[in-house]
């Protein structure tokens, strides 16, 4: 069954709006999220309320973040509006940590993310990872593949490393273009990102990890002794048992963490430089 009320709003390209309209898919997603009244849930981009309405039926309060004033105007007319706490702002700038302190519990974040900001939004959420219980998002399939990719794959890159450093990631549902209006040219997936409780990775400074991966993948066709020459000597790479003739996509997350910790110690004069 297809929801018809998408015709009441003209999707805006600048917000990357594609509205979920297949009720069977919507119900599958609700089952995956499995919300309960004791939890703090935040929906990014409620859109035409395809997920908002059924989740409101299961909660006493739902927090929503929406940047489109036209959609907020439509939302105010809905019968469940009294259950919403609405923030009219860009989700990239929302302070999830402040909300955690106000609610005194971990936050669950979900939404059908606009394709044009999904990557930057996920990265920004990692800044608040300590206050997040889990994240459940509809994403372009290509973005999801980058999130879960492993070394040796073309899709493996900075997003794979940073995301897997913080979270365990699962693709839970494949969603066809026909489940949206307007119908996008790409396939989508619904994924779960759950922060590690006992992380397999550790670095002293995640900013250093970010810097190393940025240098490596900006020049991903170069071998490491060239792409990382401003950070590590060839001798240092060999000392860390990392082949300097490999490319960025051949290095594991654990090895990038090794590089980050070595550089941290070097910058803080904690290792002897030969």
C-alpha atoms as a PDB file:
ATOM      1  CA  UNK A   1       0.000   0.000   0.000  1.00  0.00           C
ATOM      2  CA  UNK A   2       1.263   3.482  -0.921  1.00  0.00           C
ATOM      3  CA  UNK A   3       0.666   6.567   1.259  1.00  0.00           C
ATOM      4  CA  UNK A   4      -0.980   9.300  -0.810  1.00  0.00           C
ATOM      5  CA  UNK A   5      -0.306  12.476   1.181  1.00  0.00           C
ATOM      6  CA  UNK A   6       3.091  12.996  -0.449  1.00  0.00           C
ATOM      7  CA  UNK A   7       1.197  14.929  -3.154  1.00  0.00           C
ATOM      8  CA  UNK A   8       0.516  17.735  -0.659  1.00  0.00           C
ATOM      9  CA  UNK A   9       4.156  18.755  -0.529  1.00  0.00           C
ATOM     10  CA  UNK A  10       6.535  19.473  -3.372  1.00  0.00           C
ATOM     11  CA  UNK A  11       9.915  17.858  -2.524  1.00  0.00           C
ATOM     12  CA  UNK A  12      12.810  20.305  -2.406  1.00  0.00           C
ATOM     13  CA  UNK A  13      16.035  19.311  -4.158  1.00  0.00           C
ATOM     14  CA  UNK A  14      18.220  21.365  -1.827  1.00  0.00           C
ATOM     15  CA  UNK A  15      17.089  19.175   1.069  1.00  0.00           C
ATOM     16  CA  UNK A  16      17.425  15.919  -0.889  1.00  0.00           C
ATOM     17  CA  UNK A  17      13.830  14.947  -0.111  1.00  0.00           C
ATOM     18  CA  UNK A  18      12.519  11.522  -1.125  1.00  0.00           C
ATOM     19  CA  UNK A  19       9.552  10.484   0.995  1.00  0.00           C
ATOM     20  CA  UNK A  20       8.994   6.904   2.131  1.00  0.00           C
ATOM     21  CA  UNK A  21       5.468   5.871   1.113  1.00  0.00           C
ATOM     22  CA  UNK A  22       5.260   2.055   1.177  1.00  0.00           C
ATOM     23  CA  UNK A  23       3.338   1.056   4.319  1.00  0.00           C
ATOM     24  CA  UNK A  24       4.769  -2.490   4.412  1.00  0.00           C
ATOM     25  CA  UNK A  25       8.313  -1.140   4.379  1.00  0.00           C
ATOM     26  CA  UNK A  26       7.374   1.440   6.999  1.00  0.00           C
ATOM     27  CA  UNK A  27       6.069  -1.270   9.317  1.00  0.00           C
ATOM     28  CA  UNK A  28       9.239  -3.337   8.854  1.00  0.00           C
ATOM     29  CA  UNK A  29      11.285  -0.310   9.875  1.00  0.00           C
ATOM     30  CA  UNK A  30       9.132   0.326  12.957  1.00  0.00           C
ATOM     31  CA  UNK A  31       9.667  -3.298  13.966  1.00  0.00           C
ATOM     32  CA  UNK A  32      13.418  -2.896  13.534  1.00  0.00           C
ATOM     33  CA  UNK A  33      13.579   0.276  15.628  1.00  0.00           C
ATOM     34  CA  UNK A  34      11.269  -1.283  18.247  1.00  0.00           C
ATOM     35  CA  UNK A  35      10.754   1.902  20.308  1.00  0.00           C
ATOM     36  CA  UNK A  36       9.388   1.953  23.841  1.00  0.00           C
ATOM     37  CA  UNK A  37       8.122   4.692  26.149  1.00  0.00           C
ATOM     38  CA  UNK A  38      11.151   4.594  28.455  1.00  0.00           C
ATOM     39  CA  UNK A  39      13.526   5.633  25.688  1.00  0.00           C
ATOM     40  CA  UNK A  40      14.513   9.030  24.274  1.00  0.00           C
ATOM     41  CA  UNK A  41      14.062   8.914  20.509  1.00  0.00           C
ATOM     42  CA  UNK A  42      15.125  11.604  18.054  1.00  0.00           C
ATOM     43  CA  UNK A  43      13.940  11.573  14.454  1.00  0.00           C
ATOM     44  CA  UNK A  44      16.005  13.475  11.924  1.00  0.00           C
ATOM     45  CA  UNK A  45      13.816  14.825   9.138  1.00  0.00           C
ATOM     46  CA  UNK A  46      10.280  13.572   9.865  1.00  0.00           C
ATOM     47  CA  UNK A  47       9.226  14.623   6.371  1.00  0.00           C
ATOM     48  CA  UNK A  48       5.588  13.668   5.807  1.00  0.00           C
ATOM     49  CA  UNK A  49       5.520  11.641   9.047  1.00  0.00           C
ATOM     50  CA  UNK A  50       5.669   8.175   7.489  1.00  0.00           C
ATOM     51  CA  UNK A  51       7.686   6.970  10.501  1.00  0.00           C
ATOM     52  CA  UNK A  52       6.687   9.759  12.875  1.00  0.00           C
ATOM     53  CA  UNK A  53       3.001   8.889  13.104  1.00  0.00           C
ATOM     54  CA  UNK A  54       3.309   5.152  13.911  1.00  0.00           C
ATOM     55  CA  UNK A  55       6.181   5.746  16.342  1.00  0.00           C
ATOM     56  CA  UNK A  56       4.161   8.432  18.140  1.00  0.00           C
ATOM     57  CA  UNK A  57       1.533   5.769  18.785  1.00  0.00           C
ATOM     58  CA  UNK A  58       4.155   3.872  20.785  1.00  0.00           C
ATOM     59  CA  UNK A  59       5.626   6.826  22.715  1.00  0.00           C
ATOM     60  CA  UNK A  60       4.557   9.628  24.995  1.00  0.00           C
ATOM     61  CA  UNK A  61       7.102  11.981  23.418  1.00  0.00           C
ATOM     62  CA  UNK A  62       9.079  11.991  20.169  1.00  0.00           C
ATOM     63  CA  UNK A  63      11.765  14.583  19.473  1.00  0.00           C
ATOM     64  CA  UNK A  64      12.026  15.637  15.830  1.00  0.00           C
ATOM     65  CA  UNK A  65      14.508  17.830  13.962  1.00  0.00           C
ATOM     66  CA  UNK A  66      13.276  19.423  10.731  1.00  0.00           C
ATOM     67  CA  UNK A  67      14.785  22.201   8.627  1.00  0.00           C
ATOM     68  CA  UNK A  68      11.988  22.593   6.052  1.00  0.00           C
ATOM     69  CA  UNK A  69       9.391  25.135   7.343  1.00  0.00           C
ATOM     70  CA  UNK A  70       6.779  23.852   4.874  1.00  0.00           C
ATOM     71  CA  UNK A  71       6.988  20.356   6.356  1.00  0.00           C
ATOM     72  CA  UNK A  72       6.770  21.754   9.873  1.00  0.00           C
ATOM     73  CA  UNK A  73       3.613  23.616   8.874  1.00  0.00           C
ATOM     74  CA  UNK A  74       2.057  20.333   7.651  1.00  0.00           C
ATOM     75  CA  UNK A  75       3.233  18.543  10.786  1.00  0.00           C
ATOM     76  CA  UNK A  76       1.427  21.027  13.043  1.00  0.00           C
ATOM     77  CA  UNK A  77      -1.867  19.976  11.460  1.00  0.00           C
ATOM     78  CA  UNK A  78      -1.458  16.321  12.408  1.00  0.00           C
ATOM     79  CA  UNK A  79      -3.405  14.765  15.275  1.00  0.00           C
ATOM     80  CA  UNK A  80      -0.277  13.481  17.017  1.00  0.00           C
ATOM     81  CA  UNK A  81       1.525  16.865  17.029  1.00  0.00           C
ATOM     82  CA  UNK A  82       1.011  17.266  20.783  1.00  0.00           C
ATOM     83  CA  UNK A  83       3.366  14.319  21.330  1.00  0.00           C
ATOM     84  CA  UNK A  84       6.193  15.999  19.417  1.00  0.00           C
ATOM     85  CA  UNK A  85       9.011  18.140  20.715  1.00  0.00           C
ATOM     86  CA  UNK A  86      10.097  19.987  17.583  1.00  0.00           C
ATOM     87  CA  UNK A  87      13.454  21.564  16.791  1.00  0.00           C
ATOM     88  CA  UNK A  88      13.440  23.744  13.702  1.00  0.00           C
ATOM     89  CA  UNK A  89      17.111  23.582  12.746  1.00  0.00           C
ATOM     90  CA  UNK A  90      19.818  21.787  10.821  1.00  0.00           C
ATOM     91  CA  UNK A  91      20.467  18.346  12.311  1.00  0.00           C
ATOM     92  CA  UNK A  92      24.183  18.892  11.661  1.00  0.00           C
ATOM     93  CA  UNK A  93      24.189  21.576  14.355  1.00  0.00           C
ATOM     94  CA  UNK A  94      21.903  19.926  16.889  1.00  0.00           C
ATOM     95  CA  UNK A  95      23.436  19.361  20.338  1.00  0.00           C
ATOM     96  CA  UNK A  96      22.643  15.729  21.155  1.00  0.00           C
ATOM     97  CA  UNK A  97      24.880  15.875  24.228  1.00  0.00           C
ATOM     98  CA  UNK A  98      22.781  18.645  25.774  1.00  0.00           C
ATOM     99  CA  UNK A  99      19.674  16.562  25.164  1.00  0.00           C
ATOM    100  CA  UNK A 100      21.309  13.603  26.911  1.00  0.00           C
ATOM    101  CA  UNK A 101      21.875  15.707  30.034  1.00  0.00           C
ATOM    102  CA  UNK A 102      18.317  17.022  29.948  1.00  0.00           C
ATOM    103  CA  UNK A 103      16.828  13.523  29.623  1.00  0.00           C
ATOM    104  CA  UNK A 104      19.488  11.781  31.701  1.00  0.00           C
ATOM    105  CA  UNK A 105      19.558   8.781  29.394  1.00  0.00           C
ATOM    106  CA  UNK A 106      21.137   7.597  26.168  1.00  0.00           C
ATOM    107  CA  UNK A 107      19.542   8.743  22.918  1.00  0.00           C
ATOM    108  CA  UNK A 108      18.242   6.669  20.021  1.00  0.00           C
ATOM    109  CA  UNK A 109      18.496   8.480  16.677  1.00  0.00           C
ATOM    110  CA  UNK A 110      16.669   7.465  13.511  1.00  0.00           C
ATOM    111  CA  UNK A 111      15.505   8.842  10.199  1.00  0.00           C
ATOM    112  CA  UNK A 112      15.273   8.700   6.443  1.00  0.00           C
ATOM    113  CA  UNK A 113      18.409  10.746   5.795  1.00  0.00           C
ATOM    114  CA  UNK A 114      18.670  13.104   2.822  1.00  0.00           C
ATOM    115  CA  UNK A 115      21.250  11.744   0.404  1.00  0.00           C
ATOM    116  CA  UNK A 116      23.079  15.059   0.156  1.00  0.00           C
ATOM    117  CA  UNK A 117      24.025  15.266   3.863  1.00  0.00           C
ATOM    118  CA  UNK A 118      23.962  11.648   5.066  1.00  0.00           C
ATOM    119  CA  UNK A 119      27.738  11.199   5.233  1.00  0.00           C
ATOM    120  CA  UNK A 120      28.490  14.503   6.969  1.00  0.00           C
ATOM    121  CA  UNK A 121      25.575  13.942   9.351  1.00  0.00           C
ATOM    122  CA  UNK A 122      26.802  10.520  10.441  1.00  0.00           C
ATOM    123  CA  UNK A 123      30.320  11.881  10.946  1.00  0.00           C
ATOM    124  CA  UNK A 124      28.931  14.749  13.042  1.00  0.00           C
ATOM    125  CA  UNK A 125      26.988  12.287  15.217  1.00  0.00           C
ATOM    126  CA  UNK A 126      30.242  10.545  16.130  1.00  0.00           C
ATOM    127  CA  UNK A 127      31.117  13.707  18.077  1.00  0.00           C
ATOM    128  CA  UNK A 128      28.253  12.750  20.408  1.00  0.00           C
ATOM    129  CA  UNK A 129      28.814   8.989  20.343  1.00  0.00           C
ATOM    130  CA  UNK A 130      29.087   8.679  24.142  1.00  0.00           C
ATOM    131  CA  UNK A 131      25.461   9.774  24.589  1.00  0.00           C
ATOM    132  CA  UNK A 132      23.958   7.641  21.794  1.00  0.00           C
ATOM    133  CA  UNK A 133      22.429   4.201  22.337  1.00  0.00           C
ATOM    134  CA  UNK A 134      22.037   3.441  18.645  1.00  0.00           C
ATOM    135  CA  UNK A 135      21.291   4.971  15.240  1.00  0.00           C
ATOM    136  CA  UNK A 136      18.899   3.581  12.626  1.00  0.00           C
ATOM    137  CA  UNK A 137      18.987   5.243   9.222  1.00  0.00           C
ATOM    138  CA  UNK A 138      17.676   4.930   5.702  1.00  0.00           C
ATOM    139  CA  UNK A 139      20.644   5.570   3.428  1.00  0.00           C
ATOM    140  CA  UNK A 140      21.606   5.390  -0.199  1.00  0.00           C
ATOM    141  CA  UNK A 141      22.946   1.867  -0.776  1.00  0.00           C
ATOM    142  CA  UNK A 142      26.281   3.202  -1.980  1.00  0.00           C
ATOM    143  CA  UNK A 143      26.804   5.106   1.290  1.00  0.00           C
ATOM    144  CA  UNK A 144      25.893   2.035   3.362  1.00  0.00           C
ATOM    145  CA  UNK A 145      28.384  -0.072   1.399  1.00  0.00           C
ATOM    146  CA  UNK A 146      31.100   2.448   2.206  1.00  0.00           C
ATOM    147  CA  UNK A 147      30.179   2.270   5.902  1.00  0.00           C
ATOM    148  CA  UNK A 148      30.606  -1.503   6.122  1.00  0.00           C
ATOM    149  CA  UNK A 149      33.412  -1.961   3.588  1.00  0.00           C
ATOM    150  CA  UNK A 150      36.601  -3.861   4.454  1.00  0.00           C
ATOM    151  CA  UNK A 151      40.216  -3.446   3.286  1.00  0.00           C
ATOM    152  CA  UNK A 152      40.805  -4.373  -0.338  1.00  0.00           C
ATOM    153  CA  UNK A 153      37.401  -3.173  -1.570  1.00  0.00           C
ATOM    154  CA  UNK A 154      37.014  -0.114  -3.789  1.00  0.00           C
ATOM    155  CA  UNK A 155      34.386   1.281  -1.408  1.00  0.00           C
ATOM    156  CA  UNK A 156      36.755   1.058   1.597  1.00  0.00           C
ATOM    157  CA  UNK A 157      37.852   4.497   2.724  1.00  0.00           C
ATOM    158  CA  UNK A 158      37.850   7.111   5.486  1.00  0.00           C
ATOM    159  CA  UNK A 159      34.125   6.695   6.119  1.00  0.00           C
ATOM    160  CA  UNK A 160      34.570   2.916   6.591  1.00  0.00           C
ATOM    161  CA  UNK A 161      37.417   3.380   9.051  1.00  0.00           C
ATOM    162  CA  UNK A 162      35.928   6.167  11.157  1.00  0.00           C
ATOM    163  CA  UNK A 163      32.466   4.556  11.264  1.00  0.00           C
ATOM    164  CA  UNK A 164      33.715   1.092  12.199  1.00  0.00           C
ATOM    165  CA  UNK A 165      36.056   2.602  14.773  1.00  0.00           C
ATOM    166  CA  UNK A 166      33.017   3.946  16.629  1.00  0.00           C
ATOM    167  CA  UNK A 167      30.243   1.485  15.795  1.00  0.00           C
ATOM    168  CA  UNK A 168      29.144  -2.002  14.919  1.00  0.00           C
ATOM    169  CA  UNK A 169      27.181  -1.616  11.676  1.00  0.00           C
ATOM    170  CA  UNK A 170      24.525  -3.862  10.147  1.00  0.00           C
ATOM    171  CA  UNK A 171      22.436  -3.581   6.996  1.00  0.00           C
ATOM    172  CA  UNK A 172      18.957  -4.668   8.083  1.00  0.00           C
ATOM    173  CA  UNK A 173      16.673  -4.006   5.119  1.00  0.00           C
ATOM    174  CA  UNK A 174      16.999  -3.398   1.384  1.00  0.00           C
ATOM    175  CA  UNK A 175      14.546  -0.813   0.054  1.00  0.00           C
ATOM    176  CA  UNK A 176      13.659  -0.396  -3.617  1.00  0.00           C
ATOM    177  CA  UNK A 177      13.313   3.035  -5.307  1.00  0.00           C
ATOM    178  CA  UNK A 178       9.575   2.476  -5.836  1.00  0.00           C
ATOM    179  CA  UNK A 179       9.035   2.723  -2.059  1.00  0.00           C
ATOM    180  CA  UNK A 180       9.715   6.479  -2.279  1.00  0.00           C
ATOM    181  CA  UNK A 181       8.139   9.525  -3.871  1.00  0.00           C
ATOM    182  CA  UNK A 182       9.618  11.005  -5.920  1.00  0.00           C
ATOM    183  CA  UNK A 183      11.214   7.737  -7.057  1.00  0.00           C
ATOM    184  CA  UNK A 184      15.014   8.099  -6.716  1.00  0.00           C
ATOM    185  CA  UNK A 185      17.504   6.724  -9.226  1.00  0.00           C
ATOM    186  CA  UNK A 186      19.303   4.763  -6.520  1.00  0.00           C
ATOM    187  CA  UNK A 187      18.525   1.849  -4.200  1.00  0.00           C
ATOM    188  CA  UNK A 188      18.418   2.365  -0.443  1.00  0.00           C
ATOM    189  CA  UNK A 189      19.055   0.321   2.680  1.00  0.00           C
ATOM    190  CA  UNK A 190      18.027   0.640   6.312  1.00  0.00           C
ATOM    191  CA  UNK A 191      20.995   0.226   8.642  1.00  0.00           C
ATOM    192  CA  UNK A 192      21.792   0.101  12.335  1.00  0.00           C
ATOM    193  CA  UNK A 193      24.874   1.679  13.904  1.00  0.00           C
ATOM    194  CA  UNK A 194      25.439   0.659  17.528  1.00  0.00           C
ATOM    195  CA  UNK A 195      28.382   2.187  19.426  1.00  0.00           C
ATOM    196  CA  UNK A 196      30.900  -0.396  20.608  1.00  0.00           C
ATOM    197  CA  UNK A 197      30.589  -1.338  24.265  1.00  0.00           C
ATOM    198  CA  UNK A 198      33.956  -3.121  24.229  1.00  0.00           C
ATOM    199  CA  UNK A 199      35.662  -1.548  21.252  1.00  0.00           C
ATOM    200  CA  UNK A 200      38.166  -3.645  19.265  1.00  0.00           C
ATOM    201  CA  UNK A 201      39.999  -0.383  18.479  1.00  0.00           C
ATOM    202  CA  UNK A 202      41.695   2.345  20.476  1.00  0.00           C
ATOM    203  CA  UNK A 203      43.556   5.545  19.695  1.00  0.00           C
ATOM    204  CA  UNK A 204      44.797   8.272  22.008  1.00  0.00           C
ATOM    205  CA  UNK A 205      43.484  11.000  19.711  1.00  0.00           C
ATOM    206  CA  UNK A 206      40.776  10.454  17.087  1.00  0.00           C
ATOM    207  CA  UNK A 207      41.746  13.746  15.406  1.00  0.00           C
ATOM    208  CA  UNK A 208      45.105  12.199  14.549  1.00  0.00           C
ATOM    209  CA  UNK A 209      43.379   9.107  13.155  1.00  0.00           C
ATOM    210  CA  UNK A 210      41.203  11.387  11.048  1.00  0.00           C
ATOM    211  CA  UNK A 211      44.233  13.319   9.792  1.00  0.00           C
ATOM    212  CA  UNK A 212      46.135  10.173   8.809  1.00  0.00           C
ATOM    213  CA  UNK A 213      43.202   8.680   6.920  1.00  0.00           C
ATOM    214  CA  UNK A 214      42.579  12.007   5.188  1.00  0.00           C
ATOM    215  CA  UNK A 215      46.166  12.122   3.939  1.00  0.00           C
ATOM    216  CA  UNK A 216      46.116   8.481   2.898  1.00  0.00           C
ATOM    217  CA  UNK A 217      42.852   8.557   0.955  1.00  0.00           C
ATOM    218  CA  UNK A 218      43.296  11.968  -0.635  1.00  0.00           C
ATOM    219  CA  UNK A 219      46.081  10.249  -2.531  1.00  0.00           C
ATOM    220  CA  UNK A 220      44.638   6.742  -2.550  1.00  0.00           C
ATOM    221  CA  UNK A 221      46.382   5.696  -5.762  1.00  0.00           C
ATOM    222  CA  UNK A 222      49.756   6.514  -4.223  1.00  0.00           C
ATOM    223  CA  UNK A 223      51.620   4.022  -2.063  1.00  0.00           C
ATOM    224  CA  UNK A 224      51.869   4.860   1.647  1.00  0.00           C
ATOM    225  CA  UNK A 225      55.507   5.967   1.652  1.00  0.00           C
ATOM    226  CA  UNK A 226      54.418   8.722  -0.716  1.00  0.00           C
ATOM    227  CA  UNK A 227      50.921   9.587   0.557  1.00  0.00           C
ATOM    228  CA  UNK A 228      52.053   9.656   4.219  1.00  0.00           C
ATOM    229  CA  UNK A 229      55.588  10.957   3.676  1.00  0.00           C
ATOM    230  CA  UNK A 230      54.851  14.146   5.639  1.00  0.00           C
ATOM    231  CA  UNK A 231      53.829  12.092   8.685  1.00  0.00           C
ATOM    232  CA  UNK A 232      55.977   8.926   8.625  1.00  0.00           C
ATOM    233  CA  UNK A 233      59.330   7.897   7.224  1.00  0.00           C
ATOM    234  CA  UNK A 234      59.562   4.658   5.298  1.00  0.00           C
ATOM    235  CA  UNK A 235      61.635   3.275   8.157  1.00  0.00           C
ATOM    236  CA  UNK A 236      58.857   4.070  10.651  1.00  0.00           C
ATOM    237  CA  UNK A 237      56.253   2.291   8.526  1.00  0.00           C
ATOM    238  CA  UNK A 238      58.454  -0.794   8.345  1.00  0.00           C
ATOM    239  CA  UNK A 239      59.089  -0.573  12.096  1.00  0.00           C
ATOM    240  CA  UNK A 240      55.291  -0.708  12.588  1.00  0.00           C
ATOM    241  CA  UNK A 241      55.145  -3.746  10.265  1.00  0.00           C
ATOM    242  CA  UNK A 242      53.177  -1.800   7.670  1.00  0.00           C
ATOM    243  CA  UNK A 243      54.306  -2.312   4.093  1.00  0.00           C
ATOM    244  CA  UNK A 244      55.206   1.165   2.733  1.00  0.00           C
ATOM    245  CA  UNK A 245      54.475  -0.033  -0.806  1.00  0.00           C
ATOM    246  CA  UNK A 246      50.782  -0.717  -0.079  1.00  0.00           C
ATOM    247  CA  UNK A 247      48.000   1.721  -0.895  1.00  0.00           C
ATOM    248  CA  UNK A 248      45.513   3.286   1.528  1.00  0.00           C
ATOM    249  CA  UNK A 249      42.719   0.777   0.802  1.00  0.00           C
ATOM    250  CA  UNK A 250      44.985  -2.168   1.776  1.00  0.00           C
ATOM    251  CA  UNK A 251      45.554  -1.035   5.371  1.00  0.00           C
ATOM    252  CA  UNK A 252      43.277  -2.347   8.134  1.00  0.00           C
ATOM    253  CA  UNK A 253      41.538  -0.223  10.750  1.00  0.00           C
ATOM    254  CA  UNK A 254      43.793  -1.737  13.414  1.00  0.00           C
ATOM    255  CA  UNK A 255      46.863  -0.676  11.422  1.00  0.00           C
ATOM    256  CA  UNK A 256      45.525   2.869  11.025  1.00  0.00           C
ATOM    257  CA  UNK A 257      45.052   2.931  14.796  1.00  0.00           C
ATOM    258  CA  UNK A 258      48.674   1.815  15.196  1.00  0.00           C
ATOM    259  CA  UNK A 259      49.784   4.672  12.978  1.00  0.00           C
ATOM    260  CA  UNK A 260      47.650   7.157  14.924  1.00  0.00           C
ATOM    261  CA  UNK A 261      49.047   6.087  18.287  1.00  0.00           C
ATOM    262  CA  UNK A 262      52.636   6.107  17.030  1.00  0.00           C
ATOM    263  CA  UNK A 263      52.177   9.625  15.645  1.00  0.00           C
ATOM    264  CA  UNK A 264      50.557  10.761  18.910  1.00  0.00           C
ATOM    265  CA  UNK A 265      53.558   9.508  20.874  1.00  0.00           C
ATOM    266  CA  UNK A 266      55.977  11.036  18.381  1.00  0.00           C
ATOM    267  CA  UNK A 267      54.276  14.429  18.564  1.00  0.00           C
ATOM    268  CA  UNK A 268      54.371  14.253  22.373  1.00  0.00           C
ATOM    269  CA  UNK A 269      58.010  13.073  22.443  1.00  0.00           C
ATOM    270  CA  UNK A 270      57.015   9.702  23.909  1.00  0.00           C
ATOM    271  CA  UNK A 271      58.888   7.600  21.359  1.00  0.00           C
ATOM    272  CA  UNK A 272      62.496   7.659  20.288  1.00  0.00           C
ATOM    273  CA  UNK A 273      62.904   8.645  16.646  1.00  0.00           C
ATOM    274  CA  UNK A 274      65.741   6.770  14.953  1.00  0.00           C
END
